[in-house]
């Protein structure tokens, strides 16, 4: 592959990665989580390809020396845009994760507060009375401790 072809391939990868991350950012903004699995899979595959190209370039830093300056400038512009988009994407993903973690913690706390202890029966065989405002049975909630 010629350096020009390599540059165009790298630009196409950067553009595709920027588009996927922009889509993911929009999905996170509107909290439409149903499309995230697909965008994350695409982002992961494109990131792996991009990383492979960047590793190859790092091993051969002068690879684009003979390439037209307009193409090199476009590569630099796309690299800066990719960096900015990746930072915004990381911030959005981190915020969504923190929000989901807080939500799960609040649900767990509410479930614990509404649960009663297993009081059993009195010495006459009747059920023990729960504390005021509590239900007789344990709350039907089970939490997975992993996120």
Foldseek 3Di string as FASTA:
>chain_A
DALVVLLVVLLVLLVQLLVLLVVLLVCLVVVVCPCVVVSVVVNVVSVVVNVVSVVVCVVPVCRCVPPDPVSVVSSVVSVVSSVVSVVSSVVSVVVVVVVVVVVLVVVVVVQVVQAFDQQAADPVRHRDDTPPPHDNHRDPDDDDPDD
